[in-house]
Protein backbone atom coordinates (compact mmCIF):
# COMPACT_ATOMS: atom_id res chain seq x y z
CA UNK A 1 26.57 -2.73 49.59
CA UNK A 2 29.19 -4.90 47.94
CA UNK A 3 27.02 -7.97 48.35
CA UNK A 4 24.11 -6.10 46.73
CA UNK A 5 26.25 -5.19 43.74
CA UNK A 6 27.41 -8.79 43.41
CA UNK A 7 23.83 -9.97 43.56
CA UNK A 8 22.82 -7.56 40.79
CA UNK A 9 25.75 -8.66 38.66
CA UNK A 10 24.77 -12.29 39.21
CA UNK A 11 21.16 -11.58 38.22
CA UNK A 12 22.30 -9.76 35.10
CA UNK A 13 24.59 -12.63 34.20
CA UNK A 14 21.80 -15.12 34.77
CA UNK A 15 19.45 -12.98 32.65
CA UNK A 16 22.02 -12.86 29.90
CA UNK A 17 22.51 -16.62 29.97
CA UNK A 18 18.77 -17.29 29.90
CA UNK A 19 18.11 -14.97 26.96
CA UNK A 20 18.73 -16.30 23.46
CA UNK A 21 19.16 -14.88 20.00
CA UNK A 22 17.99 -17.82 17.92
CA UNK A 23 18.71 -16.34 14.52
CA UNK A 24 19.93 -13.04 13.11
CA UNK A 25 20.57 -11.91 9.55
CA UNK A 26 21.91 -8.51 8.46
CA UNK A 27 23.08 -9.55 4.97
CA UNK A 28 26.62 -8.16 5.30
CA UNK A 29 27.91 -9.72 2.07
CA UNK A 30 27.15 -12.15 -0.74
CA UNK A 31 27.21 -15.17 1.58
CA UNK A 32 23.40 -15.10 1.59
CA UNK A 33 23.49 -16.57 -1.91
CA UNK A 34 24.73 -19.87 -0.51
CA UNK A 35 22.70 -19.72 2.73
CA UNK A 36 19.31 -18.85 1.28
CA UNK A 37 17.49 -21.15 -1.13
CA UNK A 38 15.31 -20.11 -4.07
CA UNK A 39 12.14 -22.11 -4.62
CA UNK A 40 11.80 -24.05 -7.86
CA UNK A 41 8.09 -24.70 -7.49
CA UNK A 42 6.65 -25.30 -10.98
CA UNK A 43 4.19 -22.97 -12.63
CA UNK A 44 5.50 -19.72 -11.14
CA UNK A 45 7.91 -17.20 -12.61
CA UNK A 46 9.91 -16.24 -9.54
CA UNK A 47 11.83 -12.99 -9.27
CA UNK A 48 15.39 -12.61 -8.03
CA UNK A 49 16.76 -10.70 -5.07
CA UNK A 50 19.90 -8.59 -5.07
CA UNK A 51 22.08 -7.27 -2.26
CA UNK A 52 21.99 -3.47 -2.04
CA UNK A 53 21.53 -0.53 0.30
CA UNK A 54 19.20 1.02 -2.25
CA UNK A 55 19.11 4.46 -3.82
CA UNK A 56 19.38 6.34 -0.51
CA UNK A 57 20.81 5.17 2.78
CA UNK A 58 22.66 6.12 5.93
CA UNK A 59 25.58 3.70 5.55
CA UNK A 60 26.30 2.02 2.19
CA UNK A 61 27.51 -1.19 3.87
CA UNK A 62 25.50 -1.46 7.09
CA UNK A 63 22.23 -0.74 5.28
CA UNK A 64 22.55 -3.49 2.70
CA UNK A 65 19.68 -5.92 2.49
CA UNK A 66 17.87 -8.17 0.03
CA UNK A 67 15.92 -6.20 -2.57
CA UNK A 68 13.25 -7.45 -4.95
CA UNK A 69 14.55 -6.66 -8.44
CA UNK A 70 11.92 -7.65 -11.02
CA UNK A 71 8.46 -6.16 -11.49
CA UNK A 72 5.30 -8.27 -11.50
CA UNK A 73 6.90 -11.35 -10.00
CA UNK A 74 6.36 -13.88 -7.25
CA UNK A 75 9.30 -14.21 -4.87
CA UNK A 76 10.14 -17.37 -2.93
CA UNK A 77 13.39 -17.44 -0.95
CA UNK A 78 14.03 -19.11 2.39
CA UNK A 79 16.69 -19.94 4.95
CA UNK A 80 16.82 -22.73 7.53
CA UNK A 81 18.54 -22.41 10.90
CA UNK A 82 18.89 -24.41 14.10
CA UNK A 83 15.41 -25.23 15.34
CA UNK A 84 14.06 -23.84 18.60
CA UNK A 85 10.84 -23.67 20.58
CA UNK A 86 9.37 -20.72 22.44
CA UNK A 87 7.94 -22.95 25.18
CA UNK A 88 7.79 -20.93 28.40
CA UNK A 89 9.53 -17.97 26.75
CA UNK A 90 8.81 -14.86 24.75
CA UNK A 91 9.02 -15.15 20.99
CA UNK A 92 10.24 -11.96 19.29
CA UNK A 93 10.27 -11.75 15.49
CA UNK A 94 11.73 -8.57 14.05
CA UNK A 95 12.85 -7.29 10.66
CA UNK A 96 13.07 -4.07 8.67
CA UNK A 97 11.31 -3.24 5.41
CA UNK A 98 12.09 -0.39 3.02
CA UNK A 99 9.65 0.22 0.16
CA UNK A 100 11.91 2.69 -1.60
CA UNK A 101 10.08 2.13 -4.91
CA UNK A 102 6.95 3.70 -3.36
CA UNK A 103 5.20 0.35 -3.64
CA UNK A 104 1.78 0.24 -5.27
CA UNK A 105 0.85 -3.37 -4.63
CA UNK A 106 2.85 -6.10 -2.95
CA UNK A 107 3.85 -7.87 0.23
CA UNK A 108 6.56 -6.91 2.68
CA UNK A 109 6.05 -9.72 5.19
CA UNK A 110 7.98 -12.78 6.29
CA UNK A 111 6.78 -16.33 6.90
CA UNK A 112 8.06 -18.53 9.72
CA UNK A 113 8.20 -22.29 9.17
CA UNK A 114 8.92 -25.48 11.05
CA UNK A 115 11.55 -27.95 9.83
CA UNK A 116 9.15 -29.65 7.42
CA UNK A 117 9.56 -26.87 4.88
CA UNK A 118 10.76 -28.09 1.50
CA UNK A 119 12.72 -24.99 0.53
CA UNK A 120 12.98 -25.82 -3.17
CA UNK A 121 9.22 -26.31 -3.36
CA UNK A 122 8.13 -23.37 -1.18
CA UNK A 123 5.06 -21.61 -2.55
CA UNK A 124 1.99 -19.74 -1.42
CA UNK A 125 0.25 -22.83 -0.07
CA UNK A 126 3.23 -24.18 1.88
CA UNK A 127 2.20 -24.63 5.53
CA UNK A 128 3.74 -22.06 7.86
CA UNK A 129 3.69 -21.26 11.56
CA UNK A 130 3.46 -17.46 11.45
CA UNK A 131 3.09 -14.81 8.78
CA UNK A 132 3.94 -11.29 9.88
CA UNK A 133 4.56 -7.94 8.25
CA UNK A 134 3.15 -5.21 6.02
CA UNK A 135 1.00 -5.69 2.95
CA UNK A 136 0.06 -2.84 0.61
CA UNK A 137 -2.21 -2.82 -2.44
CA UNK A 138 -3.66 0.50 -3.59
CA UNK A 139 -5.27 2.95 -1.17
CA UNK A 140 -7.54 0.30 0.34
CA UNK A 141 -4.99 -2.19 1.70
CA UNK A 142 -2.25 -0.87 3.96
CA UNK A 143 -2.13 -3.30 6.85
CA UNK A 144 0.12 -5.44 9.00
CA UNK A 145 -0.60 -9.14 8.72
CA UNK A 146 -0.39 -11.25 11.87
CA UNK A 147 -1.43 -14.78 10.95
CA UNK A 148 -0.93 -17.87 13.11
CA UNK A 149 -1.35 -21.50 12.14
CA UNK A 150 -3.39 -23.45 14.68
CA UNK A 151 -4.37 -27.08 14.24
CA UNK A 152 -3.69 -26.95 10.52
CA UNK A 153 -5.65 -23.76 9.82
CA UNK A 154 -4.38 -20.21 9.31
CA UNK A 155 -6.04 -17.60 11.50
CA UNK A 156 -5.97 -13.88 10.70
CA UNK A 157 -5.98 -11.24 13.40
CA UNK A 158 -9.40 -9.67 13.87
CA UNK A 159 -7.96 -6.18 14.32
CA UNK A 160 -6.84 -3.76 11.61
CA UNK A 161 -3.21 -2.67 12.06
CA UNK A 162 -2.06 0.02 9.64
CA UNK A 163 1.44 -0.28 8.23
CA UNK A 164 3.85 2.43 7.11
CA UNK A 165 3.46 3.36 3.45
CA UNK A 166 6.37 5.72 2.77
CA UNK A 167 9.71 4.99 1.04
CA UNK A 168 11.91 4.70 4.14
CA UNK A 169 13.06 1.81 6.35
CA UNK A 170 10.75 0.73 9.17
CA UNK A 171 11.18 -1.95 11.82
CA UNK A 172 8.35 -4.42 12.42
CA UNK A 173 8.31 -6.42 15.66
CA UNK A 174 5.99 -9.19 16.81
CA UNK A 175 6.11 -10.32 20.44
CA UNK A 176 4.28 -13.48 21.54
CA UNK A 177 4.32 -14.18 25.28
CA UNK A 178 3.76 -17.41 27.24
CA UNK A 179 0.76 -15.87 29.01
CA UNK A 180 -1.03 -15.89 25.62
CA UNK A 181 -0.67 -12.16 25.06
CA UNK A 182 1.02 -10.39 22.16
CA UNK A 183 2.33 -7.02 21.01
CA UNK A 184 2.99 -5.50 17.58
CA UNK A 185 5.53 -2.71 17.37
CA UNK A 186 6.53 -0.47 14.47
CA UNK A 187 9.78 1.42 14.92
CA UNK A 188 9.83 0.38 18.58
CA UNK A 189 6.40 1.92 19.19
CA UNK A 190 3.56 -0.36 20.27
CA UNK A 191 0.72 -0.13 17.77
CA UNK A 192 -1.40 -3.09 18.89
CA UNK A 193 -1.61 -5.73 21.59
CA UNK A 194 -3.97 -7.93 23.50
CA UNK A 195 -4.92 -11.52 24.14
CA UNK A 196 -4.44 -14.27 21.57
CA UNK A 197 -7.75 -15.91 22.36
CA UNK A 198 -9.66 -12.63 22.02
CA UNK A 199 -8.06 -11.35 18.82
CA UNK A 200 -7.98 -14.59 16.80
CA UNK A 201 -10.62 -17.25 16.23
CA UNK A 202 -8.46 -20.12 17.44
CA UNK A 203 -11.15 -21.54 19.72
CA UNK A 204 -14.93 -21.82 19.69
CA UNK A 205 -16.70 -19.16 21.79
CA UNK A 206 -16.84 -19.77 25.53
CA UNK A 207 -20.56 -19.07 25.58
CA UNK A 208 -23.33 -19.89 23.12
CA UNK A 209 -27.02 -19.07 22.98
CA UNK A 210 -29.09 -21.57 24.92
CA UNK A 211 -30.81 -23.66 22.22
CA UNK A 212 -33.60 -24.49 24.66
CA UNK A 213 -34.44 -20.88 25.45
CA UNK A 214 -37.18 -19.11 23.54
CA UNK A 215 -38.70 -15.68 23.87
CA UNK A 216 -42.09 -15.90 25.67
CA UNK A 217 -45.02 -15.28 23.37
CA UNK A 218 -46.31 -12.47 25.61
CA UNK A 219 -42.95 -10.68 25.75
CA UNK A 220 -43.62 -7.11 24.62
CA UNK A 221 -40.58 -5.24 23.22
CA UNK A 222 -42.51 -2.14 22.21
CA UNK A 223 -41.39 0.83 24.29
CA UNK A 224 -44.36 2.93 23.16
CA UNK A 225 -47.79 2.16 21.75
CA UNK A 226 -50.56 4.19 20.06
CA UNK A 227 -52.80 5.94 22.59
CA UNK A 228 -56.09 3.98 22.52
CA UNK A 229 -57.97 7.06 23.77
CA UNK A 230 -56.68 9.38 21.08
CA UNK A 231 -59.16 10.25 18.32
CA UNK A 232 -58.79 11.93 14.98
CA UNK A 233 -60.07 15.54 14.88
CA UNK A 234 -63.19 16.04 12.77
CA UNK A 235 -61.51 18.65 10.57
CA UNK A 236 -58.40 16.54 9.93
CA UNK A 237 -59.35 15.12 6.55
CA UNK A 238 -58.16 17.54 3.89
CA UNK A 239 -57.15 16.72 0.32
CA UNK A 240 -53.44 16.81 -0.41
CA UNK A 241 -53.96 18.87 -3.59
CA UNK A 242 -56.59 21.47 -4.51
CA UNK A 243 -57.42 23.44 -7.66
CA UNK A 244 -55.46 26.68 -7.90
CA UNK A 245 -57.98 29.37 -6.88
CA UNK A 246 -56.00 32.02 -8.76
CA UNK A 247 -55.93 30.18 -12.05
CA UNK A 248 -58.16 31.45 -14.87
CA UNK A 249 -59.20 29.79 -18.08
CA UNK A 250 -57.23 31.18 -21.01
CA UNK A 251 -59.25 33.45 -23.31
CA UNK A 252 -58.44 31.34 -26.34
CA UNK A 253 -59.54 28.13 -24.68
CA UNK A 254 -62.10 26.30 -26.84
CA UNK A 255 -64.16 23.80 -24.83
CA UNK A 256 -65.19 21.95 -27.97
CA UNK A 257 -61.66 21.69 -29.28
CA UNK A 258 -59.67 21.58 -26.05
CA UNK A 259 -62.15 19.87 -23.79
CA UNK A 260 -63.52 21.10 -20.52
CA UNK A 261 -60.98 23.40 -18.85
CA UNK A 262 -59.81 22.46 -15.37
CA UNK A 263 -57.62 24.64 -13.20
CA UNK A 264 -54.17 23.24 -12.34
CA UNK A 265 -53.74 21.56 -8.96
CA UNK A 266 -51.56 22.97 -6.19
CA UNK A 267 -50.47 21.72 -2.76
CA UNK A 268 -53.15 22.22 -0.16
CA UNK A 269 -51.77 24.39 2.66
CA UNK A 270 -54.33 22.85 5.03
CA UNK A 271 -53.30 19.27 4.29
CA UNK A 272 -52.03 17.54 7.48
CA UNK A 273 -51.10 14.16 6.12
CA UNK A 274 -52.26 10.76 7.29
CA UNK A 275 -53.49 10.85 10.87
CA UNK A 276 -51.92 8.56 13.44
CA UNK A 277 -52.68 8.45 17.14
CA UNK A 278 -50.05 9.83 19.47
CA UNK A 279 -47.65 7.43 21.18
CA UNK A 280 -47.67 6.74 24.90
CA UNK A 281 -45.44 4.60 27.13
CA UNK A 282 -46.31 0.96 26.86
CA UNK A 283 -47.30 -0.31 30.32
CA UNK A 284 -46.57 -3.90 29.21
CA UNK A 285 -43.05 -3.09 27.93
CA UNK A 286 -40.43 -5.55 29.23
CA UNK A 287 -37.39 -4.37 27.28
CA UNK A 288 -35.51 -6.09 24.47
CA UNK A 289 -35.40 -9.81 25.10
CA UNK A 290 -31.87 -11.11 25.47
CA UNK A 291 -31.25 -14.69 24.50
CA UNK A 292 -29.66 -16.36 27.53
CA UNK A 293 -26.28 -18.01 27.06
CA UNK A 294 -24.79 -21.22 28.36
CA UNK A 295 -21.28 -22.63 28.48
CA UNK A 296 -20.25 -23.94 25.09
CA UNK A 297 -19.69 -27.70 25.44
CA UNK A 298 -17.27 -27.55 22.46
CA UNK A 299 -15.03 -24.97 24.11
CA UNK A 300 -11.83 -26.10 25.77
CA UNK A 301 -9.30 -23.63 27.08
CA UNK A 302 -5.84 -23.83 25.54
CA UNK A 303 -3.11 -22.22 27.60
CA UNK A 304 -0.57 -22.97 24.87
CA UNK A 305 -1.97 -20.85 22.06
CA UNK A 306 1.33 -18.99 22.05
CA UNK A 307 3.43 -22.14 21.67
CA UNK A 308 5.41 -22.94 18.55
CA UNK A 309 6.98 -26.31 19.20
CA UNK A 310 9.45 -26.02 16.35
CA UNK A 311 10.69 -22.95 14.47
CA UNK A 312 13.29 -23.76 11.88
CA UNK A 313 13.07 -21.45 8.85
CA UNK A 314 12.19 -17.98 7.61
CA UNK A 315 10.95 -17.24 4.12
CA UNK A 316 10.15 -14.37 1.80
CA UNK A 317 7.15 -15.73 -0.07
CA UNK A 318 5.32 -12.84 -1.69
CA UNK A 319 4.14 -11.06 -4.83
CA UNK A 320 5.04 -7.54 -5.96
CA UNK A 321 3.81 -5.48 -8.89
CA UNK A 322 6.57 -2.89 -8.62
CA UNK A 323 9.84 -4.22 -7.23
CA UNK A 324 12.35 -2.45 -5.01
CA UNK A 325 11.55 -3.53 -1.44
CA UNK A 326 14.58 -4.15 0.79
CA UNK A 327 14.43 -6.68 3.65
CA UNK A 328 17.04 -6.50 6.40
CA UNK A 329 17.81 -6.88 10.12
CA UNK A 330 15.97 -10.18 10.62
CA UNK A 331 15.99 -11.24 14.25
CA UNK A 332 14.49 -14.16 16.20
CA UNK A 333 14.99 -13.94 19.96
CA UNK A 334 13.26 -14.27 23.31
CA UNK A 335 14.63 -10.94 24.56
CA UNK A 336 12.37 -7.98 23.82
CA UNK A 337 14.86 -5.49 25.28
CA UNK A 338 17.56 -6.80 22.96
CA UNK A 339 15.21 -6.39 20.02
CA UNK A 340 14.32 -2.84 21.10
CA UNK A 341 18.00 -1.91 21.38
CA UNK A 342 18.61 -3.09 17.84
CA UNK A 343 15.42 -1.48 16.67
CA UNK A 344 16.56 1.84 18.13
CA UNK A 345 19.52 1.81 15.74
CA UNK A 346 17.10 2.14 12.85
CA UNK A 347 16.34 5.72 13.90
CA UNK A 348 19.80 6.75 12.73
CA UNK A 349 19.31 4.83 9.51
CA UNK A 350 15.98 6.53 8.91
CA UNK A 351 17.46 9.99 9.49
CA UNK A 352 20.31 9.25 7.08
CA UNK A 353 17.90 7.99 4.43
CA UNK A 354 15.73 11.09 4.68
CA UNK A 355 18.79 13.36 4.48
CA UNK A 356 20.12 11.66 1.35
CA UNK A 357 16.67 11.43 -0.25
CA UNK A 358 16.06 15.15 0.34
CA UNK A 359 19.42 16.01 -1.24
CA UNK A 360 18.69 13.75 -4.22
CA UNK A 361 15.27 15.29 -4.75
CA UNK A 362 16.71 18.79 -4.58
CA UNK A 363 19.46 17.89 -7.07
CA UNK A 364 16.85 16.42 -9.41
CA UNK A 365 14.76 19.59 -9.24
CA UNK A 366 17.82 21.72 -10.00
CA UNK A 367 18.70 19.47 -12.91
CA UNK A 368 15.20 19.70 -14.37
CA UNK A 369 15.28 23.45 -13.92
CA UNK A 370 18.62 23.81 -15.72
CA UNK A 371 17.52 21.57 -18.59
CA UNK A 372 14.25 23.37 -19.12
CA UNK A 373 14.52 25.72 -22.17
CA UNK A 374 14.15 29.37 -21.29
CA UNK A 375 11.31 31.28 -22.94
CA UNK A 376 12.45 33.67 -25.62
CA UNK A 377 10.80 36.81 -24.26
CA UNK A 378 12.30 39.24 -26.76
CA UNK A 379 11.39 39.16 -30.41
CA UNK A 380 14.28 39.60 -32.79
CA UNK A 381 12.90 42.20 -35.17
CA UNK A 382 16.01 41.97 -37.39
CA UNK A 383 14.93 38.50 -38.43
CA UNK A 384 11.76 39.85 -40.00
CA UNK A 385 12.41 41.14 -43.49
CA UNK A 386 10.82 44.55 -44.15
CA UNK A 387 10.38 45.63 -47.78
CA UNK A 388 12.63 48.45 -48.86
CA UNK A 389 10.96 51.84 -48.70
CA UNK A 390 8.34 50.67 -46.21
CA UNK A 391 8.49 52.06 -42.71
CA UNK A 392 8.45 49.46 -40.01
CA UNK A 393 5.13 49.53 -38.13
CA UNK A 394 5.26 50.66 -34.55
CA UNK A 395 3.36 48.25 -32.33
CA UNK A 396 2.69 48.33 -28.66
CA UNK A 397 2.72 44.90 -27.01
CA UNK A 398 2.98 43.37 -23.60
CA UNK A 399 6.08 41.48 -22.59
CA UNK A 400 5.37 37.77 -22.55
């Protein structure tokens, strides 16, 4: 038994040694101002970030993050760290986003770069390795971007992943595995997953239509055909409209002045429409012809679709119409369980935010109620001057 315990301890120790946290940022203080670099790319009016926990939070210090602070601005801020590769390991990218401004249109994603990033010239066209996170613009765009760079081209995921669109903090997690599979989690719940090759157009298709194959000229795809023995009934032909048999010429109708009177036309109840022969099963039917496929000579399997040879920087490169988004809890690791443990802590944050937000909303309603002028329901009759010697009229009225 003792040897078993020692073995488990050894395995845990080995697991701990082999798992890495490559980069983590919780923005505890103003040190980010010297660690993160604003872009100075010409031609753009970039907005500034500020350190804050926002209007509602669980902990005023722990919940601090970087918040966009200016409306209708591009934002371009990045940080470099010690480079790493995910070769043979999981890559876990995780961060929290809080759209407390009830965002109408703007990004809430991060970009991951290699060491070639020129931080002071970072802009929307700067090459990146991965772009991941929520993007909202009106009711039509509420999605999670998962974009990978592959051989110099950015590839968007072919699936639609819906993001959170409320005003509270949410944790977004991307997991890329060395077996070329991936997972996307929101608040520690898996919302999407699959195979990199299937869900992105990194590679040409494995199969293509055989360019030499052609459908035979006598291939009949008609499931049914008109019955050659069917004939049209002799009494089928009836006009679609007939003169109204109940109509009578008006008494004041003058043929010389009004022309020859004709009764109005009505739908013919005996009209059967255009005749067509009935359909029967086609004895020559062979089904829908399927173009045969062959192996695509341009396809080559790539077992390293997952691989990022060098990860060296993270950036907030986005546009927002209405500012107020808070970014926090950035984590790069190869340990999904570690990421989930840290993601679980956000539940407490979320509960605290909702509690404070509810209290604030209630206080605001009470304030509006107290400031609202009360209706003067009673008329002050003394204010109305009544001439001397004139009796005041007695009126019946409803209370307002």
